[in-house]
Amino acid sequence: MSTHDILHRLSDTLASRRHADPETSYTAQLFAKGQDAILKKIGEETAELIMAAKDGKRLNIVWESTDVIYHILVLLAFHGMGIEDVSQEMRRREGISGIDEKKSRGAAK
């Protein structure tokens, strides 16, 4: 099983929870609460990831990274997007200097 496979399956599962019962699905609860609740969770999980990284505990870094990725995927699903949207952008950026890519986005704004 590849990373690609698991992220795509998870992305599809999250999209399917859009209209699930919030009583039986944590993801459906987040969708029902709306974007602000999802963004709050991303902020909380990101802060926990920062603290785990500062502590240098590998397993905690993995756990918190997983939580951040999960909640980002929930946000994407909330907006009708999925991991494939992010994958396409990653492919577009592949081989481009981060400095050059950042400059190109600044010019487009």
C-alpha atoms as a PDB file:
ATOM      1  CA  MET A   1       0.000   0.000   0.000  1.00  0.00           C
ATOM      2  CA  SER A   2       1.509   3.327  -1.011  1.00  0.00           C
ATOM      3  CA  THR A   3       1.210   6.721   0.641  1.00  0.00           C
ATOM      4  CA  HIS A   4      -0.574   7.863  -2.499  1.00  0.00           C
ATOM      5  CA  ASP A   5      -3.200   5.131  -2.053  1.00  0.00           C
ATOM      6  CA  ILE A   6      -3.937   5.824   1.606  1.00  0.00           C
ATOM      7  CA  LEU A   7      -4.231   9.585   1.115  1.00  0.00           C
ATOM      8  CA  HIS A   8      -6.581   9.131  -1.832  1.00  0.00           C
ATOM      9  CA  ARG A   9      -8.722   6.596   0.025  1.00  0.00           C
ATOM     10  CA  LEU A  10      -8.885   8.873   3.057  1.00  0.00           C
ATOM     11  CA  SER A  11      -9.755  11.865   0.886  1.00  0.00           C
ATOM     12  CA  ASP A  12     -12.573   9.874  -0.749  1.00  0.00           C
ATOM     13  CA  THR A  13     -13.841   8.663   2.628  1.00  0.00           C
ATOM     14  CA  LEU A  14     -13.898  12.181   4.035  1.00  0.00           C
ATOM     15  CA  ALA A  15     -15.844  13.437   1.018  1.00  0.00           C
ATOM     16  CA  SER A  16     -18.378  10.643   1.568  1.00  0.00           C
ATOM     17  CA  ARG A  17     -18.892  11.811   5.168  1.00  0.00           C
ATOM     18  CA  ARG A  18     -20.147  15.216   3.990  1.00  0.00           C
ATOM     19  CA  HIS A  19     -23.757  14.123   4.520  1.00  0.00           C
ATOM     20  CA  ALA A  20     -23.186  11.436   7.150  1.00  0.00           C
ATOM     21  CA  ASP A  21     -24.826  11.461  10.562  1.00  0.00           C
ATOM     22  CA  PRO A  22     -22.868  13.696  12.961  1.00  0.00           C
ATOM     23  CA  GLU A  23     -23.935  11.341  15.765  1.00  0.00           C
ATOM     24  CA  THR A  24     -21.858   8.529  14.247  1.00  0.00           C
ATOM     25  CA  SER A  25     -19.036  10.330  12.423  1.00  0.00           C
ATOM     26  CA  TYR A  26     -16.437  12.733  13.813  1.00  0.00           C
ATOM     27  CA  THR A  27     -15.840  14.049  10.302  1.00  0.00           C
ATOM     28  CA  ALA A  28     -19.571  14.683   9.846  1.00  0.00           C
ATOM     29  CA  GLN A  29     -19.531  16.558  13.168  1.00  0.00           C
ATOM     30  CA  LEU A  30     -16.797  18.835  11.846  1.00  0.00           C
ATOM     31  CA  PHE A  31     -18.702  19.418   8.597  1.00  0.00           C
ATOM     32  CA  ALA A  32     -21.870  20.217  10.568  1.00  0.00           C
ATOM     33  CA  LYS A  33     -20.022  22.724  12.752  1.00  0.00           C
ATOM     34  CA  GLY A  34     -18.657  24.473   9.661  1.00  0.00           C
ATOM     35  CA  GLN A  35     -15.424  25.924   8.423  1.00  0.00           C
ATOM     36  CA  ASP A  36     -14.562  27.859  11.582  1.00  0.00           C
ATOM     37  CA  ALA A  37     -14.570  24.644  13.642  1.00  0.00           C
ATOM     38  CA  ILE A  38     -12.384  22.908  11.063  1.00  0.00           C
ATOM     39  CA  LEU A  39      -9.947  25.823  10.993  1.00  0.00           C
ATOM     40  CA  LYS A  40      -9.834  25.858  14.791  1.00  0.00           C
ATOM     41  CA  LYS A  41      -8.900  22.158  14.790  1.00  0.00           C
ATOM     42  CA  ILE A  42      -6.157  22.788  12.223  1.00  0.00           C
ATOM     43  CA  GLY A  43      -4.782  25.534  14.466  1.00  0.00           C
ATOM     44  CA  GLU A  44      -4.919  23.337  17.568  1.00  0.00           C
ATOM     45  CA  GLU A  45      -3.315  20.371  15.838  1.00  0.00           C
ATOM     46  CA  THR A  46      -0.619  22.551  14.275  1.00  0.00           C
ATOM     47  CA  ALA A  47       0.249  23.987  17.703  1.00  0.00           C
ATOM     48  CA  GLU A  48       0.475  20.431  19.053  1.00  0.00           C
ATOM     49  CA  LEU A  49       2.765  19.489  16.163  1.00  0.00           C
ATOM     50  CA  ILE A  50       5.011  22.444  16.920  1.00  0.00           C
ATOM     51  CA  MET A  51       5.267  21.399  20.561  1.00  0.00           C
ATOM     52  CA  ALA A  52       5.957  17.773  19.612  1.00  0.00           C
ATOM     53  CA  ALA A  53       8.726  18.907  17.271  1.00  0.00           C
ATOM     54  CA  LYS A  54      10.247  21.116  19.954  1.00  0.00           C
ATOM     55  CA  ASP A  55      10.240  18.112  22.319  1.00  0.00           C
ATOM     56  CA  GLY A  56      11.922  16.061  19.591  1.00  0.00           C
ATOM     57  CA  LYS A  57       9.857  12.935  20.243  1.00  0.00           C
ATOM     58  CA  ARG A  58       9.557  11.150  16.898  1.00  0.00           C
ATOM     59  CA  LEU A  59       6.376   9.229  17.667  1.00  0.00           C
ATOM     60  CA  ASN A  60       4.588  12.361  18.902  1.00  0.00           C
ATOM     61  CA  ILE A  61       5.707  14.221  15.772  1.00  0.00           C
ATOM     62  CA  VAL A  62       4.217  11.443  13.632  1.00  0.00           C
ATOM     63  CA  TRP A  63       0.948  11.424  15.603  1.00  0.00           C
ATOM     64  CA  GLU A  64       0.515  15.184  15.450  1.00  0.00           C
ATOM     65  CA  SER A  65       1.522  15.341  11.783  1.00  0.00           C
ATOM     66  CA  THR A  66      -1.146  12.752  11.056  1.00  0.00           C
ATOM     67  CA  ASP A  67      -3.737  14.854  12.894  1.00  0.00           C
ATOM     68  CA  VAL A  68      -2.752  17.975  10.930  1.00  0.00           C
ATOM     69  CA  ILE A  69      -2.934  16.153   7.594  1.00  0.00           C
ATOM     70  CA  TYR A  70      -6.314  14.627   8.499  1.00  0.00           C
ATOM     71  CA  HIS A  71      -7.806  18.003   9.405  1.00  0.00           C
ATOM     72  CA  ILE A  72      -6.397  19.638   6.264  1.00  0.00           C
ATOM     73  CA  LEU A  73      -8.064  16.888   4.226  1.00  0.00           C
ATOM     74  CA  VAL A  74     -11.330  17.615   6.068  1.00  0.00           C
ATOM     75  CA  LEU A  75     -10.987  21.289   5.099  1.00  0.00           C
ATOM     76  CA  LEU A  76     -10.369  20.341   1.476  1.00  0.00           C
ATOM     77  CA  ALA A  77     -13.438  18.071   1.501  1.00  0.00           C
ATOM     78  CA  PHE A  78     -15.503  20.864   3.077  1.00  0.00           C
ATOM     79  CA  HIS A  79     -14.646  22.965   0.013  1.00  0.00           C
ATOM     80  CA  GLY A  80     -15.356  20.144  -2.432  1.00  0.00           C
ATOM     81  CA  MET A  81     -11.689  19.415  -3.020  1.00  0.00           C
ATOM     82  CA  GLY A  82      -9.431  16.512  -2.200  1.00  0.00           C
ATOM     83  CA  ILE A  83      -5.862  15.323  -2.086  1.00  0.00           C
ATOM     84  CA  GLU A  84      -5.738  15.187  -5.882  1.00  0.00           C
ATOM     85  CA  ASP A  85      -6.042  18.983  -6.014  1.00  0.00           C
ATOM     86  CA  VAL A  86      -2.998  19.276  -3.768  1.00  0.00           C
ATOM     87  CA  SER A  87      -1.164  16.543  -5.686  1.00  0.00           C
ATOM     88  CA  GLN A  88      -1.657  18.403  -8.953  1.00  0.00           C
ATOM     89  CA  GLU A  89      -0.201  21.557  -7.459  1.00  0.00           C
ATOM     90  CA  MET A  90       2.739  19.621  -6.027  1.00  0.00           C
ATOM     91  CA  ARG A  91       3.414  18.158  -9.474  1.00  0.00           C
ATOM     92  CA  ARG A  92       3.259  21.663 -10.981  1.00  0.00           C
ATOM     93  CA  ARG A  93       5.810  22.927  -8.458  1.00  0.00           C
ATOM     94  CA  GLU A  94       8.157  19.964  -8.775  1.00  0.00           C
ATOM     95  CA  GLY A  95      11.555  21.086  -9.984  1.00  0.00           C
ATOM     96  CA  ILE A  96      10.805  24.788  -9.449  1.00  0.00           C
ATOM     97  CA  SER A  97      12.875  26.726  -6.952  1.00  0.00           C
ATOM     98  CA  GLY A  98      10.822  27.654  -3.888  1.00  0.00           C
ATOM     99  CA  ILE A  99      12.024  31.224  -4.272  1.00  0.00           C
ATOM    100  CA  ASP A 100      10.921  31.365  -7.922  1.00  0.00           C
ATOM    101  CA  GLU A 101       7.582  29.714  -7.173  1.00  0.00           C
ATOM    102  CA  LYS A 102       6.852  32.178  -4.363  1.00  0.00           C
ATOM    103  CA  LYS A 103       7.714  35.109  -6.630  1.00  0.00           C
ATOM    104  CA  SER A 104       5.352  33.806  -9.344  1.00  0.00           C
ATOM    105  CA  ARG A 105       2.435  33.683  -6.883  1.00  0.00           C
ATOM    106  CA  GLY A 106       3.162  37.203  -5.670  1.00  0.00           C
ATOM    107  CA  ALA A 107       2.939  38.508  -9.228  1.00  0.00           C
ATOM    108  CA  ALA A 108      -0.399  36.754  -9.795  1.00  0.00           C
ATOM    109  CA  LYS A 109      -2.100  38.371  -6.791  1.00  0.00           C
END
